[in-house]
Amino acid sequence: MVVFTGPVLANRRKTLDELSQQLTAGYFPSAPNAETCPRCPHWFACGRLPAGNLIIGSHSEAL
């Protein structure tokens, strides 16, 4: 059994909250790495996508 202390648990919750807010906002930053990028399934798309948030819906809704 793993037991987390109060500060560790609070830090983990804070990190998860921040990550979920970023994902909800459509924030997916690239992190280029010469070692892992060539093996990544998104190798040909990463960096070619436009900057900004992911908007789900028709183009007219995004304007």
N, C-alpha and C. Protein backbone atom coordinates (compact mmCIF):
# COMPACT_ATOMS: atom_id res chain seq x y z
N MET A 1 0.84 -1.18 0.00
CA MET A 1 0.00 0.00 0.00
C MET A 1 0.89 1.24 0.00
N VAL A 2 0.52 2.21 -0.82
CA VAL A 2 1.27 3.46 -0.89
C VAL A 2 0.51 4.52 -0.10
N VAL A 3 1.21 5.19 0.79
CA VAL A 3 0.61 6.23 1.60
C VAL A 3 1.24 7.56 1.21
N PHE A 4 0.41 8.53 0.86
CA PHE A 4 0.89 9.86 0.50
C PHE A 4 0.73 10.80 1.69
N THR A 5 1.75 11.60 1.93
CA THR A 5 1.64 12.62 2.98
C THR A 5 0.78 13.76 2.45
N GLY A 6 0.32 14.60 3.34
CA GLY A 6 -0.52 15.73 2.96
C GLY A 6 0.08 16.61 1.89
N PRO A 7 1.33 17.08 2.05
CA PRO A 7 1.94 17.94 1.04
C PRO A 7 2.11 17.26 -0.32
N VAL A 8 2.48 15.99 -0.31
CA VAL A 8 2.65 15.27 -1.58
C VAL A 8 1.30 15.14 -2.29
N LEU A 9 0.28 14.77 -1.56
CA LEU A 9 -1.05 14.63 -2.14
C LEU A 9 -1.56 15.97 -2.67
N ALA A 10 -1.34 17.04 -1.93
CA ALA A 10 -1.76 18.37 -2.38
C ALA A 10 -1.03 18.76 -3.67
N ASN A 11 0.26 18.44 -3.76
CA ASN A 11 1.03 18.76 -4.95
C ASN A 11 0.53 17.96 -6.15
N ARG A 12 0.23 16.69 -5.95
CA ARG A 12 -0.28 15.85 -7.05
C ARG A 12 -1.63 16.37 -7.53
N ARG A 13 -2.49 16.76 -6.61
CA ARG A 13 -3.80 17.30 -7.00
C ARG A 13 -3.65 18.60 -7.77
N LYS A 14 -2.73 19.46 -7.33
CA LYS A 14 -2.49 20.72 -8.02
C LYS A 14 -2.00 20.47 -9.44
N THR A 15 -1.07 19.54 -9.60
CA THR A 15 -0.55 19.20 -10.92
C THR A 15 -1.65 18.66 -11.82
N LEU A 16 -2.48 17.76 -11.30
CA LEU A 16 -3.58 17.21 -12.08
C LEU A 16 -4.59 18.28 -12.46
N ASP A 17 -4.89 19.21 -11.56
CA ASP A 17 -5.80 20.31 -11.87
C ASP A 17 -5.25 21.18 -12.99
N GLU A 18 -3.95 21.50 -12.92
CA GLU A 18 -3.33 22.33 -13.96
C GLU A 18 -3.35 21.63 -15.31
N LEU A 19 -3.02 20.34 -15.32
CA LEU A 19 -3.02 19.59 -16.58
C LEU A 19 -4.42 19.48 -17.17
N SER A 20 -5.41 19.23 -16.35
CA SER A 20 -6.78 19.12 -16.87
C SER A 20 -7.28 20.45 -17.40
N GLN A 21 -6.91 21.56 -16.77
CA GLN A 21 -7.28 22.88 -17.28
C GLN A 21 -6.63 23.15 -18.63
N GLN A 22 -5.37 22.77 -18.78
CA GLN A 22 -4.67 22.96 -20.05
C GLN A 22 -5.29 22.11 -21.15
N LEU A 23 -5.61 20.87 -20.85
CA LEU A 23 -6.24 20.00 -21.84
C LEU A 23 -7.60 20.53 -22.25
N THR A 24 -8.38 20.99 -21.29
CA THR A 24 -9.69 21.55 -21.57
C THR A 24 -9.58 22.79 -22.45
N ALA A 25 -8.53 23.58 -22.26
CA ALA A 25 -8.31 24.80 -23.05
C ALA A 25 -7.72 24.50 -24.42
N GLY A 26 -7.37 23.23 -24.68
CA GLY A 26 -6.78 22.89 -25.97
C GLY A 26 -5.30 23.17 -26.06
N TYR A 27 -4.64 23.26 -24.93
CA TYR A 27 -3.21 23.56 -24.88
C TYR A 27 -2.41 22.27 -24.96
N PHE A 28 -1.78 22.05 -26.11
CA PHE A 28 -0.98 20.86 -26.33
C PHE A 28 0.39 21.28 -26.84
N PRO A 29 1.29 21.74 -25.98
CA PRO A 29 2.60 22.22 -26.45
C PRO A 29 3.47 21.07 -26.97
N SER A 30 4.24 21.38 -28.00
CA SER A 30 5.18 20.37 -28.48
C SER A 30 6.42 20.40 -27.61
N ALA A 31 7.08 19.29 -27.54
CA ALA A 31 8.32 19.19 -26.77
C ALA A 31 9.32 18.40 -27.63
N PRO A 32 9.87 19.05 -28.67
CA PRO A 32 10.78 18.35 -29.57
C PRO A 32 11.97 17.74 -28.82
N ASN A 33 12.30 16.53 -29.21
CA ASN A 33 13.39 15.81 -28.58
C ASN A 33 14.02 14.91 -29.63
N ALA A 34 15.31 15.08 -29.88
CA ALA A 34 16.00 14.33 -30.93
C ALA A 34 15.98 12.83 -30.69
N GLU A 35 15.84 12.41 -29.45
CA GLU A 35 15.85 10.98 -29.15
C GLU A 35 14.48 10.34 -29.33
N THR A 36 13.42 11.00 -28.87
CA THR A 36 12.10 10.38 -28.91
C THR A 36 11.26 10.76 -30.12
N CYS A 37 11.47 11.92 -30.72
CA CYS A 37 10.63 12.37 -31.83
C CYS A 37 10.61 11.41 -33.03
N PRO A 38 11.74 10.89 -33.49
CA PRO A 38 11.68 10.00 -34.66
C PRO A 38 10.84 8.74 -34.44
N ARG A 39 10.61 8.34 -33.21
CA ARG A 39 9.80 7.16 -32.93
C ARG A 39 8.34 7.50 -32.61
N CYS A 40 8.03 8.77 -32.58
CA CYS A 40 6.68 9.21 -32.23
C CYS A 40 5.73 9.03 -33.41
N PRO A 41 4.50 8.54 -33.16
CA PRO A 41 3.54 8.38 -34.26
C PRO A 41 3.08 9.70 -34.87
N HIS A 42 3.35 10.82 -34.22
CA HIS A 42 2.94 12.13 -34.72
C HIS A 42 4.11 12.89 -35.34
N TRP A 43 5.18 12.19 -35.66
CA TRP A 43 6.42 12.78 -36.17
C TRP A 43 6.16 13.72 -37.34
N PHE A 44 5.28 13.35 -38.28
CA PHE A 44 5.09 14.15 -39.49
C PHE A 44 4.09 15.29 -39.29
N ALA A 45 3.35 15.29 -38.21
CA ALA A 45 2.37 16.35 -37.97
C ALA A 45 2.85 17.38 -36.97
N CYS A 46 3.64 16.99 -36.03
CA CYS A 46 4.08 17.88 -34.95
C CYS A 46 4.84 19.07 -35.53
N GLY A 47 4.47 20.26 -35.10
CA GLY A 47 5.14 21.46 -35.56
C GLY A 47 4.51 22.05 -36.81
N ARG A 48 3.73 21.30 -37.52
CA ARG A 48 3.08 21.80 -38.72
C ARG A 48 1.66 22.29 -38.45
N LEU A 49 1.17 22.03 -37.27
CA LEU A 49 -0.18 22.46 -36.92
C LEU A 49 -0.18 23.93 -36.56
N PRO A 50 -1.26 24.65 -36.84
CA PRO A 50 -1.31 26.07 -36.49
C PRO A 50 -1.33 26.27 -34.99
N ALA A 51 -0.82 27.40 -34.57
CA ALA A 51 -0.84 27.75 -33.14
C ALA A 51 -2.27 28.07 -32.72
N GLY A 52 -2.56 27.91 -31.46
CA GLY A 52 -3.87 28.27 -30.95
C GLY A 52 -4.57 27.09 -30.31
N ASN A 53 -5.76 27.34 -29.84
CA ASN A 53 -6.55 26.32 -29.15
C ASN A 53 -7.27 25.42 -30.13
N LEU A 54 -7.52 24.20 -29.71
CA LEU A 54 -8.33 23.27 -30.47
C LEU A 54 -9.78 23.70 -30.33
N ILE A 55 -10.46 23.90 -31.46
CA ILE A 55 -11.86 24.30 -31.44
C ILE A 55 -12.66 23.19 -32.10
N ILE A 56 -13.59 22.62 -31.37
CA ILE A 56 -14.41 21.55 -31.90
C ILE A 56 -15.73 22.15 -32.36
N GLY A 57 -16.10 21.88 -33.59
CA GLY A 57 -17.34 22.40 -34.15
C GLY A 57 -17.08 22.92 -35.55
N SER A 58 -18.09 23.53 -36.15
CA SER A 58 -17.94 24.04 -37.51
C SER A 58 -17.09 25.30 -37.52
N HIS A 59 -16.60 25.65 -38.70
CA HIS A 59 -15.76 26.84 -38.84
C HIS A 59 -16.53 28.11 -38.47
N SER A 60 -17.82 28.14 -38.76
CA SER A 60 -18.59 29.33 -38.44
C SER A 60 -18.70 29.56 -36.94
N GLU A 61 -18.69 28.47 -36.15
CA GLU A 61 -18.75 28.60 -34.70
C GLU A 61 -17.45 29.17 -34.15
N ALA A 62 -16.33 28.90 -34.85
CA ALA A 62 -15.03 29.32 -34.36
C ALA A 62 -14.77 30.79 -34.64
N LEU A 63 -15.51 31.38 -35.55
CA LEU A 63 -15.26 32.79 -35.92
C LEU A 63 -15.90 33.76 -34.99
